[in-house]
């Protein structure tokens, strides 16, 4: 059976090719494989950290927006600025700009 049509055979042939490398070629192959493996691992880790950071920033931004909306409603109902700050966590300057 030809390796071309069968992915399992193609992979087996590739493994066999590596098996028949001389010692120096095998070391080069293993070094390249390790480098590529490390590179892909770093990329994956960086992507995961970026996603986590983006999610965290998005949640913080959404939370701040909700606090601003709550402060606006409280101002409309004549709550004192100090009480709005206490309830929302916003600074007096943030509340006064609303």
PDB file of N, CA and C in Angstrom:
ATOM      1  N   UNK A   1       0.849  -1.185   0.000  1.00  0.00           N
ATOM      2  CA  UNK A   1       0.000   0.000   0.000  1.00  0.00           C
ATOM      3  C   UNK A   1       0.887   1.238   0.000  1.00  0.00           C
ATOM      4  N   UNK A   2       0.527   2.234  -0.792  1.00  0.00           N
ATOM      5  CA  UNK A   2       1.316   3.452  -0.896  1.00  0.00           C
ATOM      6  C   UNK A   2       1.058   4.368   0.292  1.00  0.00           C
ATOM      7  N   UNK A   3       2.101   5.054   0.718  1.00  0.00           N
ATOM      8  CA  UNK A   3       1.980   5.978   1.842  1.00  0.00           C
ATOM      9  C   UNK A   3       1.169   7.198   1.467  1.00  0.00           C
ATOM     10  N   UNK A   4       1.145   7.517   0.193  1.00  0.00           N
ATOM     11  CA  UNK A   4       0.475   8.718  -0.263  1.00  0.00           C
ATOM     12  C   UNK A   4      -1.003   8.752   0.134  1.00  0.00           C
ATOM     13  N   UNK A   5      -1.692   7.625   0.012  1.00  0.00           N
ATOM     14  CA  UNK A   5      -3.118   7.583   0.282  1.00  0.00           C
ATOM     15  C   UNK A   5      -3.461   7.246   1.716  1.00  0.00           C
ATOM     16  N   UNK A   6      -2.481   6.851   2.505  1.00  0.00           N
ATOM     17  CA  UNK A   6      -2.751   6.398   3.861  1.00  0.00           C
ATOM     18  C   UNK A   6      -1.930   7.228   4.846  1.00  0.00           C
ATOM     19  N   UNK A   7      -2.577   8.084   5.648  1.00  0.00           N
ATOM     20  CA  UNK A   7      -1.819   8.944   6.564  1.00  0.00           C
ATOM     21  C   UNK A   7      -1.046   8.165   7.625  1.00  0.00           C
ATOM     22  N   UNK A   8      -1.553   7.014   8.021  1.00  0.00           N
ATOM     23  CA  UNK A   8      -0.844   6.206   9.015  1.00  0.00           C
ATOM     24  C   UNK A   8       0.467   5.686   8.429  1.00  0.00           C
ATOM     25  N   UNK A   9       0.416   5.234   7.188  1.00  0.00           N
ATOM     26  CA  UNK A   9       1.627   4.735   6.542  1.00  0.00           C
ATOM     27  C   UNK A   9       2.621   5.873   6.290  1.00  0.00           C
ATOM     28  N   UNK A  10       2.117   7.034   5.940  1.00  0.00           N
ATOM     29  CA  UNK A  10       2.998   8.179   5.712  1.00  0.00           C
ATOM     30  C   UNK A  10       3.744   8.524   6.989  1.00  0.00           C
ATOM     31  N   UNK A  11       3.024   8.503   8.107  1.00  0.00           N
ATOM     32  CA  UNK A  11       3.651   8.809   9.394  1.00  0.00           C
ATOM     33  C   UNK A  11       4.675   7.725   9.752  1.00  0.00           C
ATOM     34  N   UNK A  12       4.333   6.476   9.509  1.00  0.00           N
ATOM     35  CA  UNK A  12       5.256   5.375   9.788  1.00  0.00           C
ATOM     36  C   UNK A  12       6.518   5.503   8.939  1.00  0.00           C
ATOM     37  N   UNK A  13       6.357   5.861   7.677  1.00  0.00           N
ATOM     38  CA  UNK A  13       7.523   6.039   6.808  1.00  0.00           C
ATOM     39  C   UNK A  13       8.410   7.173   7.302  1.00  0.00           C
ATOM     40  N   UNK A  14       7.790   8.235   7.785  1.00  0.00           N
ATOM     41  CA  UNK A  14       8.559   9.368   8.307  1.00  0.00           C
ATOM     42  C   UNK A  14       9.355   8.942   9.538  1.00  0.00           C
ATOM     43  N   UNK A  15       8.737   8.166  10.418  1.00  0.00           N
ATOM     44  CA  UNK A  15       9.422   7.662  11.605  1.00  0.00           C
ATOM     45  C   UNK A  15      10.588   6.778  11.198  1.00  0.00           C
ATOM     46  N   UNK A  16      10.369   5.945  10.221  1.00  0.00           N
ATOM     47  CA  UNK A  16      11.447   5.067   9.744  1.00  0.00           C
ATOM     48  C   UNK A  16      12.589   5.876   9.144  1.00  0.00           C
ATOM     49  N   UNK A  17      12.274   6.929   8.417  1.00  0.00           N
ATOM     50  CA  UNK A  17      13.317   7.788   7.860  1.00  0.00           C
ATOM     51  C   UNK A  17      14.185   8.358   8.978  1.00  0.00           C
ATOM     52  N   UNK A  18      13.546   8.774  10.057  1.00  0.00           N
ATOM     53  CA  UNK A  18      14.283   9.332  11.199  1.00  0.00           C
ATOM     54  C   UNK A  18      15.139   8.248  11.844  1.00  0.00           C
ATOM     55  N   UNK A  19      14.597   7.053  11.935  1.00  0.00           N
ATOM     56  CA  UNK A  19      15.310   5.927  12.529  1.00  0.00           C
ATOM     57  C   UNK A  19      16.623   5.647  11.809  1.00  0.00           C
ATOM     58  N   UNK A  20      16.638   5.832  10.500  1.00  0.00           N
ATOM     59  CA  UNK A  20      17.829   5.520   9.707  1.00  0.00           C
ATOM     60  C   UNK A  20      18.817   6.685   9.575  1.00  0.00           C
ATOM     61  N   UNK A  21      18.564   7.787  10.241  1.00  0.00           N
ATOM     62  CA  UNK A  21      19.522   8.898  10.204  1.00  0.00           C
ATOM     63  C   UNK A  21      20.795   8.503  10.946  1.00  0.00           C
ATOM     64  N   UNK A  22      21.928   9.074  10.517  1.00  0.00           N
ATOM     65  CA  UNK A  22      23.144   8.816  11.287  1.00  0.00           C
ATOM     66  C   UNK A  22      23.093   9.663  12.562  1.00  0.00           C
ATOM     67  N   UNK A  23      24.045   9.434  13.448  1.00  0.00           N
ATOM     68  CA  UNK A  23      24.004  10.056  14.774  1.00  0.00           C
ATOM     69  C   UNK A  23      23.962  11.583  14.709  1.00  0.00           C
ATOM     70  N   UNK A  24      24.792  12.173  13.866  1.00  0.00           N
ATOM     71  CA  UNK A  24      24.841  13.630  13.756  1.00  0.00           C
ATOM     72  C   UNK A  24      23.518  14.183  13.197  1.00  0.00           C
ATOM     73  N   UNK A  25      22.996  13.539  12.168  1.00  0.00           N
ATOM     74  CA  UNK A  25      21.727  13.986  11.589  1.00  0.00           C
ATOM     75  C   UNK A  25      20.587  13.840  12.600  1.00  0.00           C
ATOM     76  N   UNK A  26      20.615  12.745  13.375  1.00  0.00           N
ATOM     77  CA  UNK A  26      19.581  12.529  14.385  1.00  0.00           C
ATOM     78  C   UNK A  26      19.643  13.611  15.457  1.00  0.00           C
ATOM     79  N   UNK A  27      20.831  13.991  15.880  1.00  0.00           N
ATOM     80  CA  UNK A  27      20.970  15.066  16.881  1.00  0.00           C
ATOM     81  C   UNK A  27      20.403  16.373  16.338  1.00  0.00           C
ATOM     82  N   UNK A  28      20.724  16.666  15.069  1.00  0.00           N
ATOM     83  CA  UNK A  28      20.183  17.889  14.449  1.00  0.00           C
ATOM     84  C   UNK A  28      18.654  17.821  14.385  1.00  0.00           C
ATOM     85  N   UNK A  29      18.148  16.665  13.994  1.00  0.00           N
ATOM     86  CA  UNK A  29      16.697  16.489  13.919  1.00  0.00           C
ATOM     87  C   UNK A  29      16.061  16.685  15.293  1.00  0.00           C
ATOM     88  N   UNK A  30      16.639  16.044  16.321  1.00  0.00           N
ATOM     89  CA  UNK A  30      16.085  16.158  17.675  1.00  0.00           C
ATOM     90  C   UNK A  30      16.163  17.584  18.198  1.00  0.00           C
ATOM     91  N   UNK A  31      17.243  18.285  17.890  1.00  0.00           N
ATOM     92  CA  UNK A  31      17.371  19.685  18.310  1.00  0.00           C
ATOM     93  C   UNK A  31      16.309  20.546  17.623  1.00  0.00           C
ATOM     94  N   UNK A  32      16.105  20.300  16.331  1.00  0.00           N
ATOM     95  CA  UNK A  32      15.080  21.056  15.601  1.00  0.00           C
ATOM     96  C   UNK A  32      13.694  20.734  16.146  1.00  0.00           C
ATOM     97  N   UNK A  33      13.454  19.460  16.438  1.00  0.00           N
ATOM     98  CA  UNK A  33      12.161  19.041  16.984  1.00  0.00           C
ATOM     99  C   UNK A  33      11.920  19.696  18.344  1.00  0.00           C
ATOM    100  N   UNK A  34      12.935  19.710  19.208  1.00  0.00           N
ATOM    101  CA  UNK A  34      12.818  20.319  20.531  1.00  0.00           C
ATOM    102  C   UNK A  34      12.570  21.825  20.417  1.00  0.00           C
ATOM    103  N   UNK A  35      13.303  22.469  19.507  1.00  0.00           N
ATOM    104  CA  UNK A  35      13.116  23.903  19.285  1.00  0.00           C
ATOM    105  C   UNK A  35      11.681  24.187  18.855  1.00  0.00           C
ATOM    106  N   UNK A  36      11.191  23.432  17.887  1.00  0.00           N
ATOM    107  CA  UNK A  36       9.835  23.652  17.370  1.00  0.00           C
ATOM    108  C   UNK A  36       8.786  23.370  18.447  1.00  0.00           C
ATOM    109  N   UNK A  37       9.010  22.330  19.211  1.00  0.00           N
ATOM    110  CA  UNK A  37       8.094  21.988  20.296  1.00  0.00           C
ATOM    111  C   UNK A  37       8.051  23.110  21.333  1.00  0.00           C
ATOM    112  N   UNK A  38       9.210  23.619  21.719  1.00  0.00           N
ATOM    113  CA  UNK A  38       9.278  24.730  22.684  1.00  0.00           C
ATOM    114  C   UNK A  38       8.610  25.982  22.125  1.00  0.00           C
ATOM    115  N   UNK A  39       8.852  26.257  20.851  1.00  0.00           N
ATOM    116  CA  UNK A  39       8.267  27.436  20.209  1.00  0.00           C
ATOM    117  C   UNK A  39       6.742  27.352  20.210  1.00  0.00           C
ATOM    118  N   UNK A  40       6.210  26.202  19.845  1.00  0.00           N
ATOM    119  CA  UNK A  40       4.754  26.037  19.823  1.00  0.00           C
ATOM    120  C   UNK A  40       4.166  26.112  21.227  1.00  0.00           C
ATOM    121  N   UNK A  41       4.884  25.583  22.184  1.00  0.00           N
ATOM    122  CA  UNK A  41       4.443  25.644  23.573  1.00  0.00           C
ATOM    123  C   UNK A  41       4.392  27.090  24.068  1.00  0.00           C
ATOM    124  N   UNK A  42       5.418  27.879  23.735  1.00  0.00           N
ATOM    125  CA  UNK A  42       5.444  29.292  24.140  1.00  0.00           C
ATOM    126  C   UNK A  42       4.314  30.071  23.474  1.00  0.00           C
ATOM    127  N   UNK A  43       4.063  29.790  22.207  1.00  0.00           N
ATOM    128  CA  UNK A  43       2.974  30.464  21.497  1.00  0.00           C
ATOM    129  C   UNK A  43       1.646  30.139  22.163  1.00  0.00           C
ATOM    130  N   UNK A  44       1.430  28.877  22.448  1.00  0.00           N
ATOM    131  CA  UNK A  44       0.183  28.449  23.082  1.00  0.00           C
ATOM    132  C   UNK A  44       0.008  29.108  24.445  1.00  0.00           C
ATOM    133  N   UNK A  45       1.077  29.130  25.229  1.00  0.00           N
ATOM    134  CA  UNK A  45       1.021  29.748  26.556  1.00  0.00           C
ATOM    135  C   UNK A  45       0.745  31.249  26.442  1.00  0.00           C
ATOM    136  N   UNK A  46       1.369  31.907  25.486  1.00  0.00           N
ATOM    137  CA  UNK A  46       1.147  33.341  25.282  1.00  0.00           C
ATOM    138  C   UNK A  46      -0.291  33.626  24.868  1.00  0.00           C
ATOM    139  N   UNK A  47      -0.821  32.788  23.988  1.00  0.00           N
ATOM    140  CA  UNK A  47      -2.213  32.959  23.576  1.00  0.00           C
ATOM    141  C   UNK A  47      -3.150  32.809  24.769  1.00  0.00           C
ATOM    142  N   UNK A  48      -2.896  31.801  25.599  1.00  0.00           N
ATOM    143  CA  UNK A  48      -3.745  31.567  26.771  1.00  0.00           C
ATOM    144  C   UNK A  48      -3.677  32.750  27.730  1.00  0.00           C
ATOM    145  N   UNK A  49      -2.464  33.257  27.978  1.00  0.00           N
ATOM    146  CA  UNK A  49      -2.318  34.410  28.868  1.00  0.00           C
ATOM    147  C   UNK A  49      -3.027  35.629  28.288  1.00  0.00           C
ATOM    148  N   UNK A  50      -2.922  35.822  26.978  1.00  0.00           N
ATOM    149  CA  UNK A  50      -3.602  36.939  26.329  1.00  0.00           C
ATOM    150  C   UNK A  50      -5.110  36.835  26.458  1.00  0.00           C
ATOM    151  N   UNK A  51      -5.643  35.644  26.280  1.00  0.00           N
ATOM    152  CA  UNK A  51      -7.089  35.448  26.426  1.00  0.00           C
ATOM    153  C   UNK A  51      -7.532  35.724  27.858  1.00  0.00           C
ATOM    154  N   UNK A  52      -6.759  35.222  28.824  1.00  0.00           N
ATOM    155  CA  UNK A  52      -7.098  35.461  30.226  1.00  0.00           C
ATOM    156  C   UNK A  52      -7.035  36.949  30.565  1.00  0.00           C
ATOM    157  N   UNK A  53      -5.999  37.630  30.065  1.00  0.00           N
ATOM    158  CA  UNK A  53      -5.855  39.060  30.338  1.00  0.00           C
ATOM    159  C   UNK A  53      -7.003  39.846  29.703  1.00  0.00           C
ATOM    160  N   UNK A  54      -7.343  39.488  28.476  1.00  0.00           N
ATOM    161  CA  UNK A  54      -8.451  40.153  27.791  1.00  0.00           C
ATOM    162  C   UNK A  54      -9.767  39.947  28.501  1.00  0.00           C
ATOM    163  N   UNK A  55      -9.994  38.729  28.978  1.00  0.00           N
ATOM    164  CA  UNK A  55     -11.227  38.442  29.711  1.00  0.00           C
ATOM    165  C   UNK A  55     -11.268  39.242  31.006  1.00  0.00           C
ATOM    166  N   UNK A  56     -10.137  39.275  31.701  1.00  0.00           N
ATOM    167  CA  UNK A  56     -10.058  40.012  32.963  1.00  0.00           C
ATOM    168  C   UNK A  56     -10.313  41.501  32.746  1.00  0.00           C
ATOM    169  N   UNK A  57      -9.681  42.058  31.706  1.00  0.00           N
ATOM    170  CA  UNK A  57      -9.885  43.478  31.413  1.00  0.00           C
ATOM    171  C   UNK A  57     -11.324  43.756  31.008  1.00  0.00           C
ATOM    172  N   UNK A  58     -11.903  42.851  30.243  1.00  0.00           N
ATOM    173  CA  UNK A  58     -13.294  43.009  29.819  1.00  0.00           C
ATOM    174  C   UNK A  58     -14.241  42.988  30.995  1.00  0.00           C
ATOM    175  N   UNK A  59     -13.998  42.092  31.947  1.00  0.00           N
ATOM    176  CA  UNK A  59     -14.845  42.033  33.140  1.00  0.00           C
ATOM    177  C   UNK A  59     -14.702  43.297  33.976  1.00  0.00           C
ATOM    178  N   UNK A  60     -13.465  43.772  34.122  1.00  0.00           N
ATOM    179  CA  UNK A  60     -13.238  44.983  34.906  1.00  0.00           C
ATOM    180  C   UNK A  60     -13.913  46.187  34.246  1.00  0.00           C
ATOM    181  N   UNK A  61     -13.797  46.261  32.923  1.00  0.00           N
ATOM    182  CA  UNK A  61     -14.410  47.369  32.184  1.00  0.00           C
ATOM    183  C   UNK A  61     -15.932  47.316  32.303  1.00  0.00           C
ATOM    184  N   UNK A  62     -16.492  46.123  32.189  1.00  0.00           N
ATOM    185  CA  UNK A  62     -17.941  45.954  32.318  1.00  0.00           C
ATOM    186  C   UNK A  62     -18.424  46.310  33.710  1.00  0.00           C
ATOM    187  N   UNK A  63     -17.644  45.927  34.706  1.00  0.00           N
ATOM    188  CA  UNK A  63     -17.988  46.240  36.088  1.00  0.00           C
ATOM    189  C   UNK A  63     -17.978  47.752  36.320  1.00  0.00           C
ATOM    190  N   UNK A  64     -16.991  48.422  35.745  1.00  0.00           N
ATOM    191  CA  UNK A  64     -16.906  49.879  35.887  1.00  0.00           C
ATOM    192  C   UNK A  64     -18.098  50.561  35.200  1.00  0.00           C
ATOM    193  N   UNK A  65     -18.460  50.055  34.023  1.00  0.00           N
ATOM    194  CA  UNK A  65     -19.613  50.611  33.310  1.00  0.00           C
ATOM    195  C   UNK A  65     -20.881  50.464  34.140  1.00  0.00           C
ATOM    196  N   UNK A  66     -21.032  49.299  34.772  1.00  0.00           N
ATOM    197  CA  UNK A  66     -22.220  49.057  35.605  1.00  0.00           C
ATOM    198  C   UNK A  66     -22.235  50.017  36.788  1.00  0.00           C
ATOM    199  N   UNK A  67     -21.083  50.263  37.388  1.00  0.00           N
ATOM    200  CA  UNK A  67     -20.993  51.207  38.508  1.00  0.00           C
ATOM    201  C   UNK A  67     -21.395  52.610  38.054  1.00  0.00           C
ATOM    202  N   UNK A  68     -20.973  53.007  36.861  1.00  0.00           N
ATOM    203  CA  UNK A  68     -21.352  54.323  36.331  1.00  0.00           C
ATOM    204  C   UNK A  68     -22.857  54.412  36.097  1.00  0.00           C
ATOM    205  N   UNK A  69     -23.449  53.351  35.569  1.00  0.00           N
ATOM    206  CA  UNK A  69     -24.897  53.340  35.349  1.00  0.00           C
ATOM    207  C   UNK A  69     -25.647  53.444  36.669  1.00  0.00           C
ATOM    208  N   UNK A  70     -25.189  52.708  37.659  1.00  0.00           N
ATOM    209  CA  UNK A  70     -25.819  52.752  38.981  1.00  0.00           C
ATOM    210  C   UNK A  70     -25.692  54.148  39.576  1.00  0.00           C
ATOM    211  N   UNK A  71     -24.524  54.749  39.447  1.00  0.00           N
ATOM    212  CA  UNK A  71     -24.309  56.108  39.973  1.00  0.00           C
ATOM    213  C   UNK A  71     -25.236  57.104  39.287  1.00  0.00           C
ATOM    214  N   UNK A  72     -25.429  56.983  37.981  1.00  0.00           N
ATOM    215  CA  UNK A  72     -26.345  57.879  37.265  1.00  0.00           C
ATOM    216  C   UNK A  72     -27.766  57.767  37.824  1.00  0.00           C
ATOM    217  N   UNK A  73     -28.197  56.538  38.030  1.00  0.00           N
ATOM    218  CA  UNK A  73     -29.541  56.328  38.594  1.00  0.00           C
ATOM    219  C   UNK A  73     -29.652  56.920  39.999  1.00  0.00           C
ATOM    220  N   UNK A  74     -28.628  56.733  40.790  1.00  0.00           N
ATOM    221  CA  UNK A  74     -28.645  57.263  42.159  1.00  0.00           C
ATOM    222  C   UNK A  74     -28.660  58.792  42.146  1.00  0.00           C
ATOM    223  N   UNK A  75     -27.905  59.390  41.208  1.00  0.00           N
ATOM    224  CA  UNK A  75     -27.932  60.858  41.089  1.00  0.00           C
ATOM    225  C   UNK A  75     -29.314  61.342  40.697  1.00  0.00           C
ATOM    226  N   UNK A  76     -29.972  60.609  39.791  1.00  0.00           N
ATOM    227  CA  UNK A  76     -31.326  60.983  39.372  1.00  0.00           C
ATOM    228  C   UNK A  76     -32.305  60.926  40.539  1.00  0.00           C
ATOM    229  N   UNK A  77     -32.006  60.090  41.528  1.00  0.00           N
ATOM    230  CA  UNK A  77     -32.876  59.978  42.702  1.00  0.00           C
ATOM    231  C   UNK A  77     -32.319  60.767  43.889  1.00  0.00           C
ATOM    232  N   UNK A  78     -31.435  61.708  43.601  1.00  0.00           N
ATOM    233  CA  UNK A  78     -30.899  62.655  44.585  1.00  0.00           C
ATOM    234  C   UNK A  78     -30.159  62.025  45.770  1.00  0.00           C
ATOM    235  N   UNK A  79     -29.456  60.940  45.510  1.00  0.00           N
ATOM    236  CA  UNK A  79     -28.604  60.375  46.554  1.00  0.00           C
ATOM    237  C   UNK A  79     -27.396  61.279  46.733  1.00  0.00           C
ATOM    238  N   UNK A  80     -26.880  61.390  47.951  1.00  0.00           N
ATOM    239  CA  UNK A  80     -25.672  62.185  48.174  1.00  0.00           C
ATOM    240  C   UNK A  80     -24.451  61.529  47.495  1.00  0.00           C
ATOM    241  N   UNK A  81     -23.537  62.363  47.020  1.00  0.00           N
ATOM    242  CA  UNK A  81     -22.347  61.878  46.323  1.00  0.00           C
ATOM    243  C   UNK A  81     -21.564  60.892  47.191  1.00  0.00           C
ATOM    244  N   UNK A  82     -21.433  61.185  48.470  1.00  0.00           N
ATOM    245  CA  UNK A  82     -20.676  60.302  49.370  1.00  0.00           C
ATOM    246  C   UNK A  82     -21.306  58.909  49.418  1.00  0.00           C
ATOM    247  N   UNK A  83     -22.623  58.854  49.435  1.00  0.00           N
ATOM    248  CA  UNK A  83     -23.313  57.560  49.477  1.00  0.00           C
ATOM    249  C   UNK A  83     -23.161  56.816  48.143  1.00  0.00           C
ATOM    250  N   UNK A  84     -23.213  57.564  47.039  1.00  0.00           N
ATOM    251  CA  UNK A  84     -23.010  56.951  45.720  1.00  0.00           C
ATOM    252  C   UNK A  84     -21.613  56.350  45.638  1.00  0.00           C
ATOM    253  N   UNK A  85     -20.629  57.085  46.124  1.00  0.00           N
ATOM    254  CA  UNK A  85     -19.241  56.583  46.113  1.00  0.00           C
ATOM    255  C   UNK A  85     -19.127  55.312  46.950  1.00  0.00           C
ATOM    256  N   UNK A  86     -19.755  55.298  48.101  1.00  0.00           N
ATOM    257  CA  UNK A  86     -19.714  54.141  48.978  1.00  0.00           C
ATOM    258  C   UNK A  86     -20.356  52.920  48.307  1.00  0.00           C
ATOM    259  N   UNK A  87     -21.482  53.125  47.656  1.00  0.00           N
ATOM    260  CA  UNK A  87     -22.233  52.021  47.066  1.00  0.00           C
ATOM    261  C   UNK A  87     -21.622  51.510  45.747  1.00  0.00           C
ATOM    262  N   UNK A  88     -21.001  52.379  44.986  1.00  0.00           N
ATOM    263  CA  UNK A  88     -20.500  51.980  43.666  1.00  0.00           C
ATOM    264  C   UNK A  88     -18.989  51.769  43.606  1.00  0.00           C
ATOM    265  N   UNK A  89     -18.267  52.336  44.563  1.00  0.00           N
ATOM    266  CA  UNK A  89     -16.811  52.239  44.526  1.00  0.00           C
ATOM    267  C   UNK A  89     -16.172  53.292  43.620  1.00  0.00           C
ATOM    268  N   UNK A  90     -16.975  54.180  43.095  1.00  0.00           N
ATOM    269  CA  UNK A  90     -16.447  55.254  42.235  1.00  0.00           C
ATOM    270  C   UNK A  90     -15.891  56.369  43.107  1.00  0.00           C
ATOM    271  N   UNK A  91     -15.001  57.170  42.537  1.00  0.00           N
ATOM    272  CA  UNK A  91     -14.456  58.326  43.250  1.00  0.00           C
ATOM    273  C   UNK A  91     -15.437  59.483  43.137  1.00  0.00           C
ATOM    274  N   UNK A  92     -15.355  60.444  44.053  1.00  0.00           N
ATOM    275  CA  UNK A  92     -16.222  61.623  43.961  1.00  0.00           C
ATOM    276  C   UNK A  92     -16.066  62.345  42.617  1.00  0.00           C
ATOM    277  N   UNK A  93     -14.835  62.392  42.102  1.00  0.00           N
ATOM    278  CA  UNK A  93     -14.617  63.058  40.808  1.00  0.00           C
ATOM    279  C   UNK A  93     -15.366  62.349  39.705  1.00  0.00           C
ATOM    280  N   UNK A  94     -15.354  60.996  39.715  1.00  0.00           N
ATOM    281  CA  UNK A  94     -16.077  60.237  38.693  1.00  0.00           C
ATOM    282  C   UNK A  94     -17.577  60.501  38.781  1.00  0.00           C
ATOM    283  N   UNK A  95     -18.096  60.534  39.999  1.00  0.00           N
ATOM    284  CA  UNK A  95     -19.535  60.749  40.189  1.00  0.00           C
ATOM    285  C   UNK A  95     -19.909  62.151  39.744  1.00  0.00           C
ATOM    286  N   UNK A  96     -19.093  63.127  40.074  1.00  0.00           N
ATOM    287  CA  UNK A  96     -19.412  64.516  39.738  1.00  0.00           C
ATOM    288  C   UNK A  96     -19.352  64.781  38.242  1.00  0.00           C
ATOM    289  N   UNK A  97     -18.604  63.989  37.497  1.00  0.00           N
ATOM    290  CA  UNK A  97     -18.566  64.194  36.050  1.00  0.00           C
ATOM    291  C   UNK A  97     -19.815  63.640  35.351  1.00  0.00           C
ATOM    292  N   UNK A  98     -20.600  62.881  36.088  1.00  0.00           N
ATOM    293  CA  UNK A  98     -21.826  62.329  35.511  1.00  0.00           C
ATOM    294  C   UNK A  98     -22.871  63.414  35.480  1.00  0.00           C
TER     295      UNK A  98
END
